Protein backbone atom coordinates (compact mmCIF):
# COMPACT_ATOMS: atom_id res chain seq x y z
CA MET A 1 38.08 7.00 15.29
CA LYS A 2 35.68 9.84 15.96
CA PRO A 3 37.45 13.23 15.79
CA TYR A 4 37.82 15.50 18.78
CA THR A 5 36.12 18.73 17.67
CA TYR A 6 35.72 22.29 18.90
CA THR A 7 35.10 25.73 17.41
CA PHE A 8 36.97 28.97 17.94
CA SER A 9 37.16 32.48 16.54
CA VAL A 10 40.29 33.80 14.80
CA PRO A 11 41.97 36.33 17.15
CA LYS A 12 43.77 39.49 16.06
CA GLU A 13 47.13 38.00 17.12
CA ALA A 14 46.80 35.28 14.44
CA ILE A 15 46.61 37.76 11.54
CA ASP A 16 49.73 38.46 9.48
CA HIS A 17 50.82 41.40 7.31
CA ASN A 18 48.76 39.98 4.41
CA GLY A 19 45.54 40.31 6.43
CA HIS A 20 44.89 36.60 6.89
CA VAL A 21 45.88 33.93 9.41
CA HIS A 22 49.65 33.50 9.66
CA ASN A 23 50.95 30.01 8.89
CA VAL A 24 52.51 29.70 12.35
CA ALA A 25 49.08 30.19 13.95
CA TYR A 26 47.82 27.01 12.28
CA LEU A 27 50.67 25.01 13.82
CA GLN A 28 49.95 26.53 17.24
CA TRP A 29 46.27 25.63 16.88
CA MET A 30 47.14 22.07 15.93
CA ILE A 31 49.38 21.64 18.96
CA GLU A 32 46.61 23.11 21.13
CA ALA A 33 44.11 20.66 19.60
CA ALA A 34 46.40 17.70 20.33
CA THR A 35 46.78 18.92 23.92
CA ARG A 36 43.02 19.41 24.41
CA HIS A 37 42.24 16.01 22.93
CA SER A 38 44.83 14.29 25.12
CA GLU A 39 43.51 16.04 28.23
CA SER A 40 39.95 15.03 27.32
CA VAL A 41 40.89 11.32 27.45
CA GLY A 42 42.93 11.67 30.64
CA TYR A 43 46.42 11.80 29.14
CA GLY A 44 47.43 15.46 29.22
CA TYR A 45 51.02 16.45 29.94
CA GLY A 46 50.67 15.94 33.71
CA ALA A 47 49.37 12.39 33.33
CA CYS A 48 52.12 11.56 30.84
CA PHE A 49 54.80 12.98 33.15
CA ALA A 50 53.39 10.84 35.96
CA LEU A 51 54.01 7.83 33.71
CA GLY A 52 57.56 9.04 33.10
CA GLY A 53 56.94 10.12 29.50
CA THR A 54 56.14 13.06 27.30
CA TRP A 55 55.36 13.70 23.65
CA VAL A 56 57.77 15.40 21.25
CA ALA A 57 57.12 16.23 17.62
CA LYS A 58 59.19 14.46 14.99
CA SER A 59 57.56 16.19 12.02
CA HIS A 60 54.69 18.48 11.07
CA HIS A 61 53.06 18.77 7.67
CA ILE A 62 50.43 21.42 6.92
CA GLU A 63 48.61 21.92 3.65
CA TYR A 64 46.76 25.21 3.20
CA HIS A 65 43.65 25.27 1.01
CA PHE A 66 41.93 28.61 1.73
CA PRO A 67 42.80 31.67 3.83
CA ALA A 68 41.05 32.45 7.08
CA PHE A 69 40.45 35.96 8.39
CA LEU A 70 39.97 37.95 11.59
CA GLU A 71 37.02 36.85 13.74
CA GLU A 72 35.98 34.02 11.43
CA VAL A 73 34.61 31.03 13.29
CA LEU A 74 36.58 27.86 12.54
CA GLN A 75 36.11 24.25 13.55
CA MET A 76 39.12 22.16 14.56
CA ASN A 77 38.91 18.40 14.07
CA THR A 78 41.73 16.15 15.26
CA TRP A 79 42.19 12.41 15.68
CA VAL A 80 44.92 9.85 16.16
CA GLU A 81 45.21 8.04 12.86
CA GLU A 82 47.82 5.48 13.82
CA SER A 83 49.94 4.47 16.80
CA ARG A 84 52.58 1.85 17.32
CA LYS A 85 55.36 1.26 19.84
CA ALA A 86 56.61 4.81 20.59
CA MET A 87 55.09 6.70 17.63
CA SER A 88 51.72 8.26 16.93
CA ILE A 89 50.37 9.99 13.84
CA ARG A 90 47.78 12.66 14.48
CA ARG A 91 45.64 14.31 11.82
CA TYR A 92 44.07 17.75 11.86
CA GLU A 93 41.45 19.46 9.75
CA ILE A 94 40.33 23.06 10.13
CA VAL A 95 36.95 23.77 8.56
CA ARG A 96 35.01 27.00 8.09
CA PRO A 97 31.52 25.89 9.24
CA TYR A 98 29.48 28.53 7.43
CA ASP A 99 30.48 27.23 3.98
CA GLY A 100 32.02 23.85 4.85
CA LYS A 101 35.36 24.68 3.21
CA ILE A 102 38.42 22.87 4.53
CA ILE A 103 40.83 25.69 5.32
CA CYS A 104 43.81 23.46 6.00
CA GLN A 105 44.80 19.92 6.87
CA GLY A 106 47.75 18.73 8.88
CA ARG A 107 49.64 15.72 10.10
CA THR A 108 52.07 15.42 12.99
CA GLU A 109 54.26 12.48 13.85
CA TRP A 110 54.62 12.43 17.63
CA VAL A 111 57.12 10.32 19.55
CA PHE A 112 56.59 9.26 23.17
CA VAL A 113 59.87 9.70 25.06
CA ASP A 114 61.24 9.17 28.55
CA VAL A 115 61.14 12.52 30.40
CA ASN A 116 64.71 12.10 31.68
CA THR A 117 66.57 10.60 28.74
CA LEU A 118 64.36 11.91 25.92
CA LYS A 119 64.75 8.51 24.27
CA PRO A 120 61.69 6.85 22.72
CA VAL A 121 59.75 4.49 25.00
CA ARG A 122 56.76 2.27 24.35
CA ILE A 123 53.39 4.01 24.64
CA PRO A 124 51.47 2.47 27.57
CA SER A 125 48.68 0.16 26.36
CA ASN A 126 46.04 1.95 28.45
CA MET A 127 46.87 5.15 26.53
CA PHE A 128 46.17 3.35 23.22
CA HIS A 129 42.77 2.32 24.59
CA ALA A 130 41.96 5.83 25.83
CA PHE A 131 42.28 7.11 22.25
CA GLY A 132 40.18 4.26 20.92
CA LEU A 133 43.07 2.48 19.19
């Protein structure tokens, strides 16, 4: 599947006491990327709620390769790697475009749940198709 991609600049709020991007900022950016990608294919939070479901994270894994610094331009790439029944695995890659270095990579296991019971429910087939699965 073709990644959903956008660029952004590192804001001051993302910088930690060591002078580089704080590890929590990467997780926030990954969640934002998943949200943007879902909205771009018509299945943002509102559309999911209308279907009676929502996404919750089961696990996050982030591997850091290089630090990023204030005002650097970064490129976020995200894609759904795998989906079945009520689970979806999403990948992330943050690249520094000016030198092509992969700053970090991540993986989240998302579970589609009923908004009322929070129990896993089958992902609607039209949602699979929207993500090209």
